[in-house]
Amino acid sequence: MSLQETFTVRDLARAFDVGENYIFTLCRNGRLNPTETKPIKINREEVRRFVEDKIPSDLFELLDKQIT
């Protein structure tokens, strides 16, 4: 059994340089799905999914073209 890394709302707010209310709103609206409640915690895979959904795939293609 492996332990998944989880983040608190405060951790994510600091990492994304946003207010904690923004993270709470994302959870309430279903954009981020917490793995635990009271206190809310979100696992690494959910954060990765959220970030990948926010970044347009065209950006990755553009970066690949600039690197090669």
PDB file of N, CA and C in Angstrom:
ATOM      1  N   MET A   1       0.852  -1.175   0.000  1.00  0.00           N
ATOM      2  CA  MET A   1       0.000   0.000   0.000  1.00  0.00           C
ATOM      3  C   MET A   1       0.895   1.234   0.000  1.00  0.00           C
ATOM      4  N   SER A   2       0.728   2.105  -0.984  1.00  0.00           N
ATOM      5  CA  SER A   2       1.534   3.321  -1.064  1.00  0.00           C
ATOM      6  C   SER A   2       0.697   4.521  -0.624  1.00  0.00           C
ATOM      7  N   LEU A   3       1.343   5.436   0.042  1.00  0.00           N
ATOM      8  CA  LEU A   3       0.675   6.649   0.474  1.00  0.00           C
ATOM      9  C   LEU A   3       0.773   7.694  -0.625  1.00  0.00           C
ATOM     10  N   GLN A   4      -0.359   8.278  -0.949  1.00  0.00           N
ATOM     11  CA  GLN A   4      -0.356   9.335  -1.958  1.00  0.00           C
ATOM     12  C   GLN A   4      -0.110  10.668  -1.265  1.00  0.00           C
ATOM     13  N   GLU A   5       0.683  11.498  -1.916  1.00  0.00           N
ATOM     14  CA  GLU A   5       0.925  12.824  -1.374  1.00  0.00           C
ATOM     15  C   GLU A   5      -0.336  13.654  -1.521  1.00  0.00           C
ATOM     16  N   THR A   6      -0.744  14.320  -0.455  1.00  0.00           N
ATOM     17  CA  THR A   6      -1.913  15.182  -0.503  1.00  0.00           C
ATOM     18  C   THR A   6      -1.512  16.601  -0.127  1.00  0.00           C
ATOM     19  N   PHE A   7      -2.291  17.540  -0.608  1.00  0.00           N
ATOM     20  CA  PHE A   7      -2.028  18.955  -0.374  1.00  0.00           C
ATOM     21  C   PHE A   7      -3.227  19.580   0.315  1.00  0.00           C
ATOM     22  N   THR A   8      -2.960  20.487   1.231  1.00  0.00           N
ATOM     23  CA  THR A   8      -4.033  21.245   1.858  1.00  0.00           C
ATOM     24  C   THR A   8      -4.402  22.411   0.941  1.00  0.00           C
ATOM     25  N   VAL A   9      -5.506  23.048   1.261  1.00  0.00           N
ATOM     26  CA  VAL A   9      -5.927  24.225   0.503  1.00  0.00           C
ATOM     27  C   VAL A   9      -4.849  25.306   0.593  1.00  0.00           C
ATOM     28  N   ARG A  10      -4.295  25.483   1.771  1.00  0.00           N
ATOM     29  CA  ARG A  10      -3.242  26.498   1.955  1.00  0.00           C
ATOM     30  C   ARG A  10      -2.017  26.185   1.091  1.00  0.00           C
ATOM     31  N   ASP A  11      -1.609  24.900   1.049  1.00  0.00           N
ATOM     32  CA  ASP A  11      -0.459  24.503   0.221  1.00  0.00           C
ATOM     33  C   ASP A  11      -0.694  24.849  -1.244  1.00  0.00           C
ATOM     34  N   LEU A  12      -1.868  24.482  -1.750  1.00  0.00           N
ATOM     35  CA  LEU A  12      -2.164  24.738  -3.168  1.00  0.00           C
ATOM     36  C   LEU A  12      -2.269  26.224  -3.461  1.00  0.00           C
ATOM     37  N   ALA A  13      -2.884  26.974  -2.550  1.00  0.00           N
ATOM     38  CA  ALA A  13      -3.012  28.418  -2.755  1.00  0.00           C
ATOM     39  C   ALA A  13      -1.630  29.064  -2.861  1.00  0.00           C
ATOM     40  N   ARG A  14      -0.727  28.645  -2.001  1.00  0.00           N
ATOM     41  CA  ARG A  14       0.638  29.186  -2.054  1.00  0.00           C
ATOM     42  C   ARG A  14       1.347  28.760  -3.343  1.00  0.00           C
ATOM     43  N   ALA A  15       1.201  27.496  -3.719  1.00  0.00           N
ATOM     44  CA  ALA A  15       1.880  26.991  -4.919  1.00  0.00           C
ATOM     45  C   ALA A  15       1.371  27.681  -6.180  1.00  0.00           C
ATOM     46  N   PHE A  16       0.056  27.949  -6.256  1.00  0.00           N
ATOM     47  CA  PHE A  16      -0.527  28.564  -7.442  1.00  0.00           C
ATOM     48  C   PHE A  16      -0.558  30.086  -7.344  1.00  0.00           C
ATOM     49  N   ASP A  17      -0.120  30.630  -6.200  1.00  0.00           N
ATOM     50  CA  ASP A  17      -0.112  32.072  -5.966  1.00  0.00           C
ATOM     51  C   ASP A  17      -1.508  32.664  -6.134  1.00  0.00           C
ATOM     52  N   VAL A  18      -2.465  32.026  -5.463  1.00  0.00           N
ATOM     53  CA  VAL A  18      -3.859  32.485  -5.464  1.00  0.00           C
ATOM     54  C   VAL A  18      -4.350  32.480  -4.021  1.00  0.00           C
ATOM     55  N   GLY A  19      -5.527  33.039  -3.804  1.00  0.00           N
ATOM     56  CA  GLY A  19      -6.124  33.017  -2.482  1.00  0.00           C
ATOM     57  C   GLY A  19      -6.722  31.654  -2.159  1.00  0.00           C
ATOM     58  N   GLU A  20      -6.819  31.358  -0.884  1.00  0.00           N
ATOM     59  CA  GLU A  20      -7.409  30.086  -0.461  1.00  0.00           C
ATOM     60  C   GLU A  20      -8.868  29.976  -0.906  1.00  0.00           C
ATOM     61  N   ASN A  21      -9.582  31.096  -0.945  1.00  0.00           N
ATOM     62  CA  ASN A  21     -10.985  31.063  -1.383  1.00  0.00           C
ATOM     63  C   ASN A  21     -11.115  30.548  -2.817  1.00  0.00           C
ATOM     64  N   TYR A  22     -10.137  30.844  -3.656  1.00  0.00           N
ATOM     65  CA  TYR A  22     -10.155  30.363  -5.036  1.00  0.00           C
ATOM     66  C   TYR A  22     -10.102  28.837  -5.063  1.00  0.00           C
ATOM     67  N   ILE A  23      -9.255  28.239  -4.227  1.00  0.00           N
ATOM     68  CA  ILE A  23      -9.148  26.782  -4.165  1.00  0.00           C
ATOM     69  C   ILE A  23     -10.446  26.186  -3.638  1.00  0.00           C
ATOM     70  N   PHE A  24     -11.021  26.813  -2.591  1.00  0.00           N
ATOM     71  CA  PHE A  24     -12.310  26.338  -2.076  1.00  0.00           C
ATOM     72  C   PHE A  24     -13.386  26.402  -3.153  1.00  0.00           C
ATOM     73  N   THR A  25     -13.390  27.465  -3.935  1.00  0.00           N
ATOM     74  CA  THR A  25     -14.369  27.614  -5.012  1.00  0.00           C
ATOM     75  C   THR A  25     -14.191  26.525  -6.069  1.00  0.00           C
ATOM     76  N   LEU A  26     -12.944  26.218  -6.427  1.00  0.00           N
ATOM     77  CA  LEU A  26     -12.680  25.146  -7.389  1.00  0.00           C
ATOM     78  C   LEU A  26     -13.223  23.814  -6.876  1.00  0.00           C
ATOM     79  N   CYS A  27     -13.063  23.566  -5.599  1.00  0.00           N
ATOM     80  CA  CYS A  27     -13.584  22.323  -5.003  1.00  0.00           C
ATOM     81  C   CYS A  27     -15.111  22.318  -5.005  1.00  0.00           C
ATOM     82  N   ARG A  28     -15.718  23.429  -4.629  1.00  0.00           N
ATOM     83  CA  ARG A  28     -17.184  23.521  -4.611  1.00  0.00           C
ATOM     84  C   ARG A  28     -17.780  23.339  -5.997  1.00  0.00           C
ATOM     85  N   ASN A  29     -17.109  23.865  -7.015  1.00  0.00           N
ATOM     86  CA  ASN A  29     -17.613  23.796  -8.384  1.00  0.00           C
ATOM     87  C   ASN A  29     -17.246  22.492  -9.086  1.00  0.00           C
ATOM     88  N   GLY A  30     -16.509  21.613  -8.409  1.00  0.00           N
ATOM     89  CA  GLY A  30     -16.157  20.326  -9.000  1.00  0.00           C
ATOM     90  C   GLY A  30     -14.969  20.364  -9.942  1.00  0.00           C
ATOM     91  N   ARG A  31     -14.259  21.464  -9.986  1.00  0.00           N
ATOM     92  CA  ARG A  31     -13.068  21.557 -10.848  1.00  0.00           C
ATOM     93  C   ARG A  31     -11.881  20.842 -10.224  1.00  0.00           C
ATOM     94  N   LEU A  32     -11.823  20.839  -8.893  1.00  0.00           N
ATOM     95  CA  LEU A  32     -10.834  20.077  -8.118  1.00  0.00           C
ATOM     96  C   LEU A  32     -11.620  19.156  -7.192  1.00  0.00           C
ATOM     97  N   ASN A  33     -11.299  17.889  -7.220  1.00  0.00           N
ATOM     98  CA  ASN A  33     -12.028  16.930  -6.386  1.00  0.00           C
ATOM     99  C   ASN A  33     -11.180  16.534  -5.187  1.00  0.00           C
ATOM    100  N   PRO A  34     -11.593  16.973  -3.984  1.00  0.00           N
ATOM    101  CA  PRO A  34     -10.809  16.637  -2.802  1.00  0.00           C
ATOM    102  C   PRO A  34     -10.848  15.141  -2.493  1.00  0.00           C
ATOM    103  N   THR A  35      -9.756  14.640  -1.956  1.00  0.00           N
ATOM    104  CA  THR A  35      -9.707  13.239  -1.555  1.00  0.00           C
ATOM    105  C   THR A  35     -10.087  13.083  -0.091  1.00  0.00           C
ATOM    106  N   GLU A  36     -10.019  14.180   0.658  1.00  0.00           N
ATOM    107  CA  GLU A  36     -10.425  14.182   2.054  1.00  0.00           C
ATOM    108  C   GLU A  36     -11.165  15.480   2.341  1.00  0.00           C
ATOM    109  N   THR A  37     -12.057  15.422   3.319  1.00  0.00           N
ATOM    110  CA  THR A  37     -12.737  16.632   3.763  1.00  0.00           C
ATOM    111  C   THR A  37     -12.485  16.808   5.252  1.00  0.00           C
ATOM    112  N   LYS A  38     -12.625  18.014   5.697  1.00  0.00           N
ATOM    113  CA  LYS A  38     -12.456  18.363   7.112  1.00  0.00           C
ATOM    114  C   LYS A  38     -11.120  17.925   7.649  1.00  0.00           C
ATOM    115  N   PRO A  39     -10.023  18.480   7.311  1.00  0.00           N
ATOM    116  CA  PRO A  39      -9.830  19.559   6.345  1.00  0.00           C
ATOM    117  C   PRO A  39      -9.741  19.018   4.923  1.00  0.00           C
ATOM    118  N   ILE A  40     -10.024  19.884   3.988  1.00  0.00           N
ATOM    119  CA  ILE A  40      -9.973  19.496   2.578  1.00  0.00           C
ATOM    120  C   ILE A  40      -8.528  19.218   2.182  1.00  0.00           C
ATOM    121  N   LYS A  41      -8.319  18.070   1.549  1.00  0.00           N
ATOM    122  CA  LYS A  41      -7.007  17.709   1.005  1.00  0.00           C
ATOM    123  C   LYS A  41      -7.206  17.161  -0.396  1.00  0.00           C
ATOM    124  N   ILE A  42      -6.263  17.454  -1.259  1.00  0.00           N
ATOM    125  CA  ILE A  42      -6.342  17.051  -2.667  1.00  0.00           C
ATOM    126  C   ILE A  42      -5.057  16.306  -2.998  1.00  0.00           C
ATOM    127  N   ASN A  43      -5.198  15.137  -3.638  1.00  0.00           N
ATOM    128  CA  ASN A  43      -3.988  14.348  -3.929  1.00  0.00           C
ATOM    129  C   ASN A  43      -3.279  14.857  -5.176  1.00  0.00           C
ATOM    130  N   ARG A  44      -2.033  14.422  -5.313  1.00  0.00           N
ATOM    131  CA  ARG A  44      -1.153  14.876  -6.390  1.00  0.00           C
ATOM    132  C   ARG A  44      -1.747  14.595  -7.775  1.00  0.00           C
ATOM    133  N   GLU A  45      -2.359  13.442  -7.971  1.00  0.00           N
ATOM    134  CA  GLU A  45      -2.925  13.094  -9.285  1.00  0.00           C
ATOM    135  C   GLU A  45      -4.048  14.047  -9.679  1.00  0.00           C
ATOM    136  N   GLU A  46      -4.867  14.446  -8.701  1.00  0.00           N
ATOM    137  CA  GLU A  46      -5.957  15.377  -8.984  1.00  0.00           C
ATOM    138  C   GLU A  46      -5.406  16.753  -9.344  1.00  0.00           C
ATOM    139  N   VAL A  47      -4.368  17.179  -8.649  1.00  0.00           N
ATOM    140  CA  VAL A  47      -3.744  18.471  -8.967  1.00  0.00           C
ATOM    141  C   VAL A  47      -3.155  18.423 -10.372  1.00  0.00           C
ATOM    142  N   ARG A  48      -2.498  17.316 -10.709  1.00  0.00           N
ATOM    143  CA  ARG A  48      -1.915  17.162 -12.047  1.00  0.00           C
ATOM    144  C   ARG A  48      -3.001  17.219 -13.122  1.00  0.00           C
ATOM    145  N   ARG A  49      -4.115  16.526 -12.886  1.00  0.00           N
ATOM    146  CA  ARG A  49      -5.219  16.534 -13.846  1.00  0.00           C
ATOM    147  C   ARG A  49      -5.740  17.952 -14.046  1.00  0.00           C
ATOM    148  N   PHE A  50      -5.905  18.680 -12.945  1.00  0.00           N
ATOM    149  CA  PHE A  50      -6.404  20.046 -13.017  1.00  0.00           C
ATOM    150  C   PHE A  50      -5.459  20.933 -13.829  1.00  0.00           C
ATOM    151  N   VAL A  51      -4.175  20.842 -13.542  1.00  0.00           N
ATOM    152  CA  VAL A  51      -3.189  21.674 -14.242  1.00  0.00           C
ATOM    153  C   VAL A  51      -3.150  21.320 -15.727  1.00  0.00           C
ATOM    154  N   GLU A  52      -3.148  20.040 -16.045  1.00  0.00           N
ATOM    155  CA  GLU A  52      -3.105  19.630 -17.457  1.00  0.00           C
ATOM    156  C   GLU A  52      -4.362  20.064 -18.205  1.00  0.00           C
ATOM    157  N   ASP A  53      -5.511  20.092 -17.527  1.00  0.00           N
ATOM    158  CA  ASP A  53      -6.741  20.571 -18.156  1.00  0.00           C
ATOM    159  C   ASP A  53      -6.699  22.074 -18.404  1.00  0.00           C
ATOM    160  N   LYS A  54      -5.990  22.804 -17.532  1.00  0.00           N
ATOM    161  CA  LYS A  54      -5.924  24.263 -17.663  1.00  0.00           C
ATOM    162  C   LYS A  54      -4.955  24.713 -18.746  1.00  0.00           C
ATOM    163  N   ILE A  55      -3.908  23.925 -18.995  1.00  0.00           N
ATOM    164  CA  ILE A  55      -2.900  24.306 -19.973  1.00  0.00           C
ATOM    165  C   ILE A  55      -3.321  23.772 -21.338  1.00  0.00           C
ATOM    166  N   PRO A  56      -3.472  24.639 -22.318  1.00  0.00           N
ATOM    167  CA  PRO A  56      -3.866  24.172 -23.645  1.00  0.00           C
ATOM    168  C   PRO A  56      -2.823  23.239 -24.252  1.00  0.00           C
ATOM    169  N   SER A  57      -3.278  22.185 -24.888  1.00  0.00           N
ATOM    170  CA  SER A  57      -2.343  21.234 -25.497  1.00  0.00           C
ATOM    171  C   SER A  57      -1.539  21.894 -26.615  1.00  0.00           C
ATOM    172  N   ASP A  58      -2.079  22.943 -27.215  1.00  0.00           N
ATOM    173  CA  ASP A  58      -1.339  23.670 -28.250  1.00  0.00           C
ATOM    174  C   ASP A  58      -0.043  24.252 -27.695  1.00  0.00           C
ATOM    175  N   LEU A  59      -0.048  24.624 -26.422  1.00  0.00           N
ATOM    176  CA  LEU A  59       1.150  25.182 -25.800  1.00  0.00           C
ATOM    177  C   LEU A  59       2.272  24.147 -25.791  1.00  0.00           C
ATOM    178  N   PHE A  60       1.931  22.892 -25.476  1.00  0.00           N
ATOM    179  CA  PHE A  60       2.941  21.845 -25.478  1.00  0.00           C
ATOM    180  C   PHE A  60       3.509  21.637 -26.878  1.00  0.00           C
ATOM    181  N   GLU A  61       2.652  21.685 -27.900  1.00  0.00           N
ATOM    182  CA  GLU A  61       3.115  21.525 -29.271  1.00  0.00           C
ATOM    183  C   GLU A  61       4.043  22.682 -29.653  1.00  0.00           C
ATOM    184  N   LEU A  62       3.701  23.887 -29.246  1.00  0.00           N
ATOM    185  CA  LEU A  62       4.528  25.057 -29.528  1.00  0.00           C
ATOM    186  C   LEU A  62       5.888  24.925 -28.847  1.00  0.00           C
ATOM    187  N   LEU A  63       5.889  24.490 -27.587  1.00  0.00           N
ATOM    188  CA  LEU A  63       7.159  24.321 -26.874  1.00  0.00           C
ATOM    189  C   LEU A  63       8.008  23.243 -27.525  1.00  0.00           C
ATOM    190  N   ASP A  64       7.403  22.156 -27.978  1.00  0.00           N
ATOM    191  CA  ASP A  64       8.153  21.092 -28.637  1.00  0.00           C
ATOM    192  C   ASP A  64       8.826  21.614 -29.906  1.00  0.00           C
ATOM    193  N   LYS A  65       8.127  22.435 -30.664  1.00  0.00           N
ATOM    194  CA  LYS A  65       8.674  22.973 -31.907  1.00  0.00           C
ATOM    195  C   LYS A  65       9.841  23.924 -31.617  1.00  0.00           C
ATOM    196  N   GLN A  66       9.741  24.680 -30.535  1.00  0.00           N
ATOM    197  CA  GLN A  66      10.810  25.622 -30.186  1.00  0.00           C
ATOM    198  C   GLN A  66      12.036  24.908 -29.659  1.00  0.00           C
ATOM    199  N   ILE A  67      11.851  23.786 -28.996  1.00  0.00           N
ATOM    200  CA  ILE A  67      12.982  23.054 -28.433  1.00  0.00           C
ATOM    201  C   ILE A  67      13.753  22.321 -29.510  1.00  0.00           C
ATOM    202  N   THR A  68      13.063  21.755 -30.485  1.00  0.00           N
ATOM    203  CA  THR A  68      13.742  20.955 -31.523  1.00  0.00           C
ATOM    204  C   THR A  68      14.239  21.794 -32.660  1.00  0.00           C
TER     205      THR A  68
END
